[in-house]
Amino acid sequence: MRNTVILCLLVYISILLQLEAIALQSISVEYRQDALDYGVKKEHYLRTSATIATDTTEVNAAVVQSHDATLATWSFATQGDYAAIAGGYYFIHNATGLLLGKTSVYNPDPYSIHVQKNDSFVSLCKSGNPQYAMYGVVSSLFDARGATTIKLDAGISYKECYISSGDAQNGVYPYSVQGLLSHFQREGQYTEPVQVVTSFVHATLSPVEHVTLQGCYYSTHVYYNNAHMLFNANTQDNYAMESFGGYSLFAHYNDSIVSLFSEYAISHVLIKNEGKSGNRYSSAYYCGVIVKEKNYKISSIVQKSDENFFAPFGDTFGGNSPRDIYYYSVSVKPVKNFTCSWIYTDQNNLLPSPYYTEYPHKRINNIRMVYINKYFSVKSDYRYAQFYKDGEERASRYQQGVVWGITKNLSIHLKYGLYQGDTVA
């Protein structure tokens, strides 16, 4: 199937190149020498990427070469008056990302928590890294009548991954679907191909100005030799997952001053236990308000999840595990050129992974001050994090950074940090 899709894309590109409106939008070559993890030797990486486009069509390709492997991604999108189609490697992001989000690479920095912006539902992958992207086709229908707009998206992702021959014979992959998706190349003991198939539909309605409503459904299955493959085995309770998916409803009001938003999601997992199947449903919600004026901005966001809420493709605040989160921020501009902001995050991970190196509950205060004029700039960033377990504080981290911009092209950076208590859970 993959070779057929690539062949179709090459034919499509050859047709595009014959059009007068075609243009080479960008081409880039990047060289990097980097160690991707602790205890790993440095590698050399060369990434080459290009984009060609017409008024209605875009085609992207990227290749990342290293000593051990060569990775590649490609994507395309074309749009008409009432319909569009996208294919290749792409990301999907629904509403706030509670159920389906644009997956981010794991970052163990406790200060890396961020508010996920409301991306478009489909965005093309241009990085050359296929691990975190969907692979398949998405079709869209849309129309507008005055202030009212409607859009319907439907798509499928078909990603081939590899498991060991032992797991293939047992019919069970014992680890998570994220672990399965990381084995997207045949290497070592991972030689048996399986297919991770995700199908989804998504609808967006803007009935009046400032109001947006969204609904979404998706389902994921794993197949080996055209038969269902179990995964995410729980040896303690003697069950494994056969499939998972979920539903989401989202409402958003946004004008020049106030933004109100709320997403409610239900996750669905089909479980096999000693030959018997059972359904497990769990829920989560994410809601918030943002008030903004010329000299200030206030934000408040709350996320609450059931302990068994299962959304491995979600991404809110940089993660997809079930969590309770309270987020508050205030930014003010009392005088010209000076801005001061405070951000507070309280995050409790309800099901921390055994590989999770931090304590599951953390509270972070972040105070930023910025002064900028046409001659120089000064930026201060103060961060204080507290880590809890079983209701008791176990560790804390303090960090202070200052950036002094002397000229447009010259700046001095200072950073100081202090860690107290145990550093791991």
Protein backbone atom coordinates (compact mmCIF):
# COMPACT_ATOMS: atom_id res chain seq x y z
CA MET A 1 0.00 0.00 0.00
CA ARG A 2 2.80 2.42 0.91
CA ASN A 3 4.58 1.90 -2.45
CA THR A 4 1.29 2.46 -4.30
CA VAL A 5 0.68 5.75 -2.46
CA ILE A 6 4.24 6.94 -3.17
CA LEU A 7 3.87 6.05 -6.86
CA CYS A 8 0.61 8.01 -7.05
CA LEU A 9 2.32 10.98 -5.40
CA LEU A 10 5.19 10.90 -7.91
CA VAL A 11 2.70 10.89 -10.79
CA TYR A 12 0.85 13.76 -9.11
CA ILE A 13 4.08 15.77 -8.72
CA SER A 14 5.01 15.16 -12.36
CA ILE A 15 1.66 16.64 -13.40
CA LEU A 16 2.19 19.62 -11.10
CA LEU A 17 5.59 20.34 -12.62
CA GLN A 18 3.90 20.83 -16.00
CA LEU A 19 1.68 23.61 -14.66
CA GLU A 20 2.71 27.21 -15.26
CA ALA A 21 1.78 28.32 -11.73
CA ILE A 22 4.15 25.87 -10.03
CA ALA A 23 6.81 27.43 -7.80
CA LEU A 24 9.60 26.10 -5.64
CA GLN A 25 8.54 27.71 -2.39
CA SER A 26 11.49 26.65 -0.23
CA ILE A 27 14.47 24.32 -0.03
CA SER A 28 16.73 23.88 2.99
CA VAL A 29 19.71 21.82 4.12
CA GLU A 30 20.49 21.49 7.84
CA TYR A 31 23.49 19.82 9.47
CA ARG A 32 23.48 18.92 13.16
CA GLN A 33 25.83 17.07 15.52
CA ASP A 34 23.88 16.00 18.58
CA ALA A 35 23.34 13.38 21.29
CA LEU A 36 19.62 12.64 21.52
CA ASP A 37 19.64 11.22 25.05
CA TYR A 38 21.80 10.76 28.16
CA GLY A 39 24.60 8.23 27.73
CA VAL A 40 24.26 8.23 23.95
CA LYS A 41 27.16 9.14 21.72
CA LYS A 42 26.94 12.11 19.40
CA GLU A 43 25.63 11.52 15.90
CA HIS A 44 25.82 13.49 12.67
CA TYR A 45 22.49 14.44 11.09
CA LEU A 46 21.78 15.94 7.69
CA ARG A 47 18.24 17.06 6.89
CA THR A 48 17.19 18.11 3.40
CA SER A 49 13.68 19.44 2.80
CA ALA A 50 11.77 21.09 -0.01
CA THR A 51 8.31 22.53 -0.66
CA ILE A 52 6.70 23.16 -4.03
CA ALA A 53 3.35 24.86 -4.39
CA THR A 54 0.69 26.29 -6.66
CA ASP A 55 -2.16 28.60 -5.66
CA THR A 56 -4.20 25.64 -4.40
CA THR A 57 -1.68 22.83 -3.86
CA GLU A 58 1.33 22.18 -1.64
CA VAL A 59 3.79 19.27 -1.71
CA ASN A 60 6.48 18.70 0.95
CA ALA A 61 9.34 16.23 1.27
CA ALA A 62 12.08 15.87 3.90
CA VAL A 63 14.92 13.38 4.39
CA VAL A 64 16.99 13.01 7.58
CA GLN A 65 20.24 11.07 7.20
CA SER A 66 22.44 9.80 10.03
CA HIS A 67 25.10 7.15 10.47
CA ASP A 68 22.57 4.52 11.58
CA ALA A 69 19.45 5.29 9.57
CA THR A 70 17.70 7.37 6.95
CA LEU A 71 14.24 8.76 7.77
CA ALA A 72 11.86 10.52 5.41
CA THR A 73 8.43 12.15 5.35
CA TRP A 74 6.29 13.50 2.54
CA SER A 75 2.94 15.25 2.48
CA PHE A 76 0.61 17.08 0.15
CA ALA A 77 -2.59 19.09 0.27
CA THR A 78 -4.84 20.46 -2.45
CA GLN A 79 -7.95 22.59 -2.02
CA GLY A 80 -10.90 23.61 -4.17
CA ASP A 81 -13.93 25.81 -3.56
CA TYR A 82 -15.83 23.25 -1.48
CA ALA A 83 -13.46 20.31 -0.95
CA ALA A 84 -9.87 19.53 0.01
CA ILE A 85 -7.66 16.49 0.34
CA ALA A 86 -4.41 15.96 2.25
CA GLY A 87 -2.17 12.92 2.37
CA GLY A 88 1.15 11.46 3.35
CA TYR A 89 2.43 12.24 6.85
CA TYR A 90 0.22 14.65 8.78
CA PHE A 91 -0.88 15.66 12.28
CA ILE A 92 -4.42 15.99 13.59
CA HIS A 93 -5.43 18.29 16.41
CA ASN A 94 -8.99 18.47 17.69
CA ALA A 95 -10.23 21.34 19.87
CA THR A 96 -7.96 21.72 22.93
CA GLY A 97 -6.10 18.46 22.27
CA LEU A 98 -7.78 16.55 25.09
CA LEU A 99 -8.61 13.55 22.89
CA LEU A 100 -6.58 14.16 19.73
CA GLY A 101 -3.62 16.54 19.78
CA LYS A 102 -0.53 17.36 17.81
CA THR A 103 1.84 15.08 19.69
CA SER A 104 4.97 16.73 21.04
CA VAL A 105 8.30 15.07 21.69
CA TYR A 106 8.72 14.13 25.36
CA ASN A 107 10.60 16.76 27.35
CA PRO A 108 11.50 15.93 30.99
CA ASP A 109 11.98 19.61 31.88
CA PRO A 110 9.43 20.30 34.68
CA TYR A 111 9.06 23.87 33.42
CA SER A 112 8.11 22.81 29.88
CA ILE A 113 4.36 22.88 30.61
CA HIS A 114 2.60 25.00 28.01
CA VAL A 115 -0.91 25.83 26.92
CA GLN A 116 -1.66 24.04 23.66
CA LYS A 117 -2.73 26.50 20.98
CA ASN A 118 -5.85 25.66 19.00
CA ASP A 119 -4.22 24.41 15.78
CA SER A 120 -6.16 23.58 12.64
CA PHE A 121 -7.49 20.03 12.57
CA VAL A 122 -5.01 18.84 9.92
CA SER A 123 -1.44 20.09 9.52
CA LEU A 124 1.21 18.62 7.24
CA CYS A 125 4.37 16.99 8.58
CA LYS A 126 7.51 18.59 7.14
CA SER A 127 10.16 17.48 9.66
CA GLY A 128 11.46 14.22 8.20
CA ASN A 129 10.59 12.40 11.45
CA PRO A 130 7.70 9.95 10.83
CA GLN A 131 7.35 8.68 14.41
CA TYR A 132 4.81 11.16 15.80
CA ALA A 133 2.72 11.73 12.66
CA MET A 134 -0.26 9.98 11.13
CA TYR A 135 0.20 8.41 7.68
CA GLY A 136 -2.69 8.25 5.25
CA VAL A 137 -5.34 10.45 3.64
CA VAL A 138 -7.80 13.09 4.91
CA SER A 139 -10.67 14.48 2.82
CA SER A 140 -12.66 17.60 3.70
CA LEU A 141 -15.92 19.22 2.61
CA PHE A 142 -16.76 22.80 3.57
CA ASP A 143 -19.11 25.66 2.79
CA ALA A 144 -19.86 29.18 4.00
CA ARG A 145 -23.05 31.24 3.97
CA GLY A 146 -22.44 34.68 5.40
CA ALA A 147 -21.24 34.31 9.00
CA THR A 148 -22.16 30.61 9.05
CA THR A 149 -19.49 28.07 8.07
CA ILE A 150 -19.44 24.28 8.21
CA LYS A 151 -16.67 21.75 7.59
CA LEU A 152 -16.55 17.95 7.68
CA ASP A 153 -13.27 15.99 7.77
CA ALA A 154 -12.82 12.24 7.46
CA GLY A 155 -9.59 10.30 7.25
CA ILE A 156 -7.58 7.19 7.89
CA SER A 157 -4.04 6.52 9.07
CA TYR A 158 -2.23 3.29 8.21
CA LYS A 159 1.16 2.96 9.93
CA GLU A 160 3.29 -0.15 9.65
CA CYS A 161 5.33 -1.01 12.75
CA TYR A 162 7.34 -4.03 13.87
CA ILE A 163 7.19 -6.45 16.80
CA SER A 164 9.22 -9.47 17.86
CA SER A 165 8.40 -12.93 16.52
CA GLY A 166 7.61 -14.06 20.07
CA ASP A 167 4.96 -11.36 20.54
CA ALA A 168 3.56 -12.19 17.10
CA GLN A 169 3.17 -15.86 18.02
CA ASN A 170 1.51 -14.97 21.33
CA GLY A 171 -0.84 -12.54 19.62
CA VAL A 172 -0.12 -9.89 22.27
CA TYR A 173 2.21 -6.90 22.21
CA PRO A 174 2.79 -6.36 25.96
CA TYR A 175 3.61 -2.65 25.84
CA SER A 176 1.73 0.56 25.02
CA VAL A 177 0.66 1.70 21.58
CA GLN A 178 3.19 4.55 21.86
CA GLY A 179 5.92 1.94 22.32
CA LEU A 180 4.62 0.07 19.29
CA LEU A 181 4.64 3.21 17.14
CA SER A 182 8.28 3.85 18.07
CA HIS A 183 9.28 0.66 16.20
CA PHE A 184 8.51 2.03 12.75
CA GLN A 185 11.62 0.42 11.23
CA ARG A 186 12.65 -3.23 11.08
CA GLU A 187 15.64 -3.62 13.41
CA GLY A 188 17.04 -6.16 15.87
CA GLN A 189 14.36 -8.45 17.25
CA TYR A 190 11.56 -6.33 15.78
CA THR A 191 11.02 -8.08 12.46
CA GLU A 192 7.30 -8.92 12.22
CA PRO A 193 5.12 -6.22 10.57
CA VAL A 194 1.88 -5.07 12.19
CA GLN A 195 -0.48 -2.31 11.11
CA VAL A 196 -1.80 0.45 13.38
CA VAL A 197 -4.99 1.70 11.71
CA THR A 198 -6.77 4.83 12.93
CA SER A 199 -9.97 6.18 11.36
CA PHE A 200 -11.67 9.42 12.34
CA VAL A 201 -14.39 11.94 11.49
CA HIS A 202 -14.48 15.57 12.58
CA ALA A 203 -17.08 18.31 12.16
CA THR A 204 -16.81 22.08 12.71
CA LEU A 205 -19.75 24.50 12.75
CA SER A 206 -19.65 28.27 13.20
CA PRO A 207 -23.37 29.18 13.34
CA VAL A 208 -22.81 32.85 14.15
CA GLU A 209 -19.89 35.22 14.49
CA HIS A 210 -17.53 34.48 17.43
CA VAL A 211 -18.97 30.98 18.09
CA THR A 212 -17.37 27.66 17.08
CA LEU A 213 -18.69 24.15 17.77
CA GLN A 214 -16.75 20.94 17.08
CA GLY A 215 -17.37 17.22 17.35
CA CYS A 216 -14.94 14.37 16.81
CA TYR A 217 -14.82 10.56 16.83
CA TYR A 218 -11.87 8.21 16.25
CA SER A 219 -11.01 4.53 16.58
CA THR A 220 -7.66 2.68 16.53
CA HIS A 221 -6.98 -1.02 15.91
CA VAL A 222 -3.78 -3.07 15.55
CA TYR A 223 -3.61 -5.89 12.99
CA TYR A 224 -1.20 -8.76 12.36
CA ASN A 225 -1.81 -10.95 9.31
CA ASN A 226 -5.26 -9.31 8.90
CA ALA A 227 -6.30 -10.33 12.44
CA HIS A 228 -6.66 -8.19 15.56
CA MET A 229 -3.50 -7.90 17.65
CA LEU A 230 -3.82 -7.29 21.41
CA PHE A 231 -1.57 -4.74 23.08
CA ASN A 232 -0.97 -2.87 26.36
CA ALA A 233 -1.16 -6.07 28.41
CA ASN A 234 -1.81 -5.87 32.16
CA THR A 235 -0.37 -9.04 33.68
CA GLN A 236 -1.61 -8.19 37.18
CA ASP A 237 -5.29 -8.07 36.14
CA ASN A 238 -4.80 -10.47 33.21
CA TYR A 239 -6.21 -8.34 30.38
CA ALA A 240 -5.04 -6.60 27.21
CA MET A 241 -6.48 -3.98 24.87
CA GLU A 242 -8.00 -4.87 21.51
CA SER A 243 -8.88 -1.34 20.36
CA PHE A 244 -9.42 2.19 21.66
CA GLY A 245 -11.01 5.44 20.56
CA GLY A 246 -13.28 8.17 21.81
CA TYR A 247 -15.71 11.03 21.31
CA SER A 248 -15.29 14.76 21.90
CA LEU A 249 -17.54 17.84 21.98
CA PHE A 250 -16.07 21.35 21.98
CA ALA A 251 -17.55 24.86 22.24
CA HIS A 252 -15.68 28.14 21.86
CA TYR A 253 -16.72 31.79 22.08
CA ASN A 254 -14.09 34.32 21.06
CA ASP A 255 -14.30 38.08 20.54
CA SER A 256 -11.78 40.91 20.86
CA ILE A 257 -11.92 40.85 24.69
CA VAL A 258 -13.21 37.49 26.00
CA SER A 259 -12.47 33.91 24.99
CA LEU A 260 -14.48 31.06 26.57
CA PHE A 261 -13.84 27.42 25.67
CA SER A 262 -14.74 23.96 26.91
CA GLU A 263 -14.09 20.41 25.68
CA TYR A 264 -15.70 17.26 27.04
CA ALA A 265 -14.30 13.90 25.94
CA ILE A 266 -15.14 10.23 26.49
CA SER A 267 -12.51 7.57 25.89
CA HIS A 268 -13.49 4.04 24.90
CA VAL A 269 -11.27 0.96 25.33
CA LEU A 270 -12.22 -2.56 24.23
CA ILE A 271 -10.59 -5.02 26.65
CA LYS A 272 -10.00 -8.76 26.25
CA ASN A 273 -9.89 -10.77 29.48
CA GLU A 274 -9.44 -14.55 29.15
CA GLY A 275 -11.29 -14.60 25.84
CA LYS A 276 -14.08 -12.26 26.98
CA SER A 277 -14.50 -8.71 25.69
CA GLY A 278 -15.54 -5.71 27.75
CA ASN A 279 -15.93 -1.98 27.19
CA ARG A 280 -14.40 0.65 29.45
CA TYR A 281 -15.54 4.26 29.20
CA SER A 282 -13.91 7.20 30.99
CA SER A 283 -14.29 10.95 30.71
CA ALA A 284 -12.34 14.19 30.98
CA TYR A 285 -13.02 17.88 30.49
CA TYR A 286 -10.94 20.96 29.76
CA CYS A 287 -12.36 24.47 30.13
CA GLY A 288 -11.08 27.98 30.47
CA VAL A 289 -11.49 31.71 30.03
CA ILE A 290 -9.15 34.37 28.67
CA VAL A 291 -9.76 38.10 29.12
CA LYS A 292 -7.51 40.43 27.17
CA GLU A 293 -7.23 44.17 26.76
CA LYS A 294 -4.50 46.47 25.50
CA ASN A 295 -2.54 46.52 28.78
CA TYR A 296 -3.41 43.20 30.41
CA LYS A 297 -4.31 39.56 29.80
CA ILE A 298 -5.81 37.11 32.32
CA SER A 299 -6.14 33.35 31.74
CA SER A 300 -7.67 30.54 33.77
CA ILE A 301 -7.80 26.87 32.65
CA VAL A 302 -8.94 23.71 34.44
CA GLN A 303 -8.51 20.13 33.27
CA LYS A 304 -10.03 17.17 35.17
CA SER A 305 -9.73 13.51 34.16
CA ASP A 306 -10.97 10.14 35.32
CA GLU A 307 -8.09 7.94 36.41
CA ASN A 308 -8.74 5.53 33.52
CA PHE A 309 -9.15 8.19 30.83
CA PHE A 310 -7.19 6.77 27.88
CA ALA A 311 -6.13 9.18 25.13
CA PRO A 312 -2.64 8.23 23.89
CA PHE A 313 -3.00 10.60 20.92
CA GLY A 314 -4.02 13.56 23.11
CA ASP A 315 -1.78 16.49 23.99
CA THR A 316 -2.69 19.13 26.57
CA PHE A 317 -0.01 20.94 28.54
CA GLY A 318 2.63 18.84 26.78
CA GLY A 319 1.34 15.37 27.71
CA ASN A 320 -1.36 12.74 27.23
CA SER A 321 -1.68 10.93 30.57
CA PRO A 322 -4.79 11.41 32.79
CA ARG A 323 -4.14 14.48 34.90
CA ASP A 324 -5.82 17.15 36.99
CA ILE A 325 -4.51 20.59 36.07
CA TYR A 326 -5.14 24.14 37.28
CA TYR A 327 -3.53 26.91 35.25
CA TYR A 328 -3.64 30.67 35.94
CA SER A 329 -1.75 33.53 34.33
CA VAL A 330 -1.77 37.32 34.53
CA SER A 331 0.16 39.64 32.23
CA VAL A 332 0.14 43.42 32.69
CA LYS A 333 1.81 46.34 30.94
CA PRO A 334 1.75 49.16 33.53
CA VAL A 335 3.98 51.54 31.57
CA LYS A 336 5.33 51.78 28.05
CA ASN A 337 7.98 49.16 27.11
CA PHE A 338 7.56 47.20 30.37
CA THR A 339 5.62 43.93 30.78
CA CYS A 340 5.25 41.78 33.90
CA SER A 341 3.57 38.37 34.02
CA TRP A 342 2.85 35.60 36.54
CA ILE A 343 2.00 32.00 35.62
CA TYR A 344 0.92 29.31 38.08
CA THR A 345 0.41 25.63 37.23
CA ASP A 346 -0.77 22.84 39.53
CA GLN A 347 -0.52 19.45 37.80
CA ASN A 348 -1.26 16.06 39.36
CA ASN A 349 -0.46 13.01 37.22
CA LEU A 350 -3.10 10.42 38.18
CA LEU A 351 -1.35 7.41 36.62
CA PRO A 352 2.40 8.06 36.60
CA SER A 353 4.40 5.66 34.46
CA PRO A 354 6.99 3.46 36.21
CA TYR A 355 9.49 5.21 33.94
CA TYR A 356 8.35 8.63 35.20
CA THR A 357 11.38 10.24 36.85
CA GLU A 358 9.62 13.14 38.59
CA TYR A 359 7.14 13.09 41.46
CA PRO A 360 3.58 12.89 40.09
CA HIS A 361 2.29 16.16 41.60
CA LYS A 362 4.02 19.46 40.90
CA ARG A 363 3.26 23.15 41.42
CA ILE A 364 5.12 25.75 39.40
CA ASN A 365 5.33 29.53 39.80
CA ASN A 366 6.83 31.55 36.97
CA ILE A 367 7.41 35.34 37.11
CA ARG A 368 8.65 37.14 34.01
CA MET A 369 9.60 40.79 33.53
CA VAL A 370 10.58 42.37 30.23
CA TYR A 371 11.78 45.89 29.41
CA ILE A 372 12.48 46.77 25.78
CA ASN A 373 13.28 50.09 24.13
CA LYS A 374 15.04 51.00 20.89
CA TYR A 375 18.49 50.95 22.53
CA PHE A 376 18.57 47.83 24.75
CA SER A 377 16.42 45.18 26.46
CA VAL A 378 16.37 43.35 29.81
CA LYS A 379 14.45 40.12 30.44
CA SER A 380 14.11 38.34 33.79
CA ASP A 381 12.64 34.85 34.25
CA TYR A 382 12.10 33.44 37.77
CA ARG A 383 10.79 29.87 38.21
CA TYR A 384 10.04 27.87 41.33
CA ALA A 385 8.72 24.29 41.25
CA GLN A 386 7.55 22.12 44.16
CA PHE A 387 7.12 18.34 43.85
CA TYR A 388 4.68 16.32 45.96
CA LYS A 389 3.89 12.68 46.63
CA ASP A 390 1.18 11.36 48.97
CA GLY A 391 0.35 14.95 49.93
CA GLU A 392 3.87 15.79 51.15
CA GLU A 393 6.45 18.03 49.51
CA ARG A 394 9.45 15.91 48.49
CA ALA A 395 11.58 18.25 46.38
CA SER A 396 11.83 21.78 45.00
CA ARG A 397 13.63 23.55 42.19
CA TYR A 398 14.53 27.20 41.82
CA GLN A 399 15.77 28.83 38.65
CA GLN A 400 16.58 32.44 37.76
CA GLY A 401 17.58 33.68 34.33
CA VAL A 402 18.44 37.13 32.98
CA VAL A 403 19.03 38.24 29.40
CA TRP A 404 20.58 41.64 28.70
CA GLY A 405 20.25 42.72 25.09
CA ILE A 406 23.10 45.17 24.52
CA THR A 407 22.60 45.66 20.79
CA LYS A 408 20.46 44.08 18.11
CA ASN A 409 22.99 41.28 17.53
CA LEU A 410 24.69 41.07 20.96
CA SER A 411 23.25 39.85 24.28
CA ILE A 412 24.45 38.41 27.61
CA HIS A 413 22.66 35.43 29.19
CA LEU A 414 22.91 34.52 32.90
CA LYS A 415 21.23 31.53 34.56
CA TYR A 416 21.25 30.12 38.09
CA GLY A 417 19.49 27.04 39.46
CA LEU A 418 19.13 25.29 42.82
CA TYR A 419 17.63 21.81 43.40
CA GLN A 420 16.64 20.61 46.87
CA GLY A 421 15.35 17.22 48.04
CA ASP A 422 15.19 14.00 46.05
CA THR A 423 15.45 14.53 42.30
CA VAL A 424 13.52 11.39 41.33
CA ALA A 425 10.37 9.73 42.60
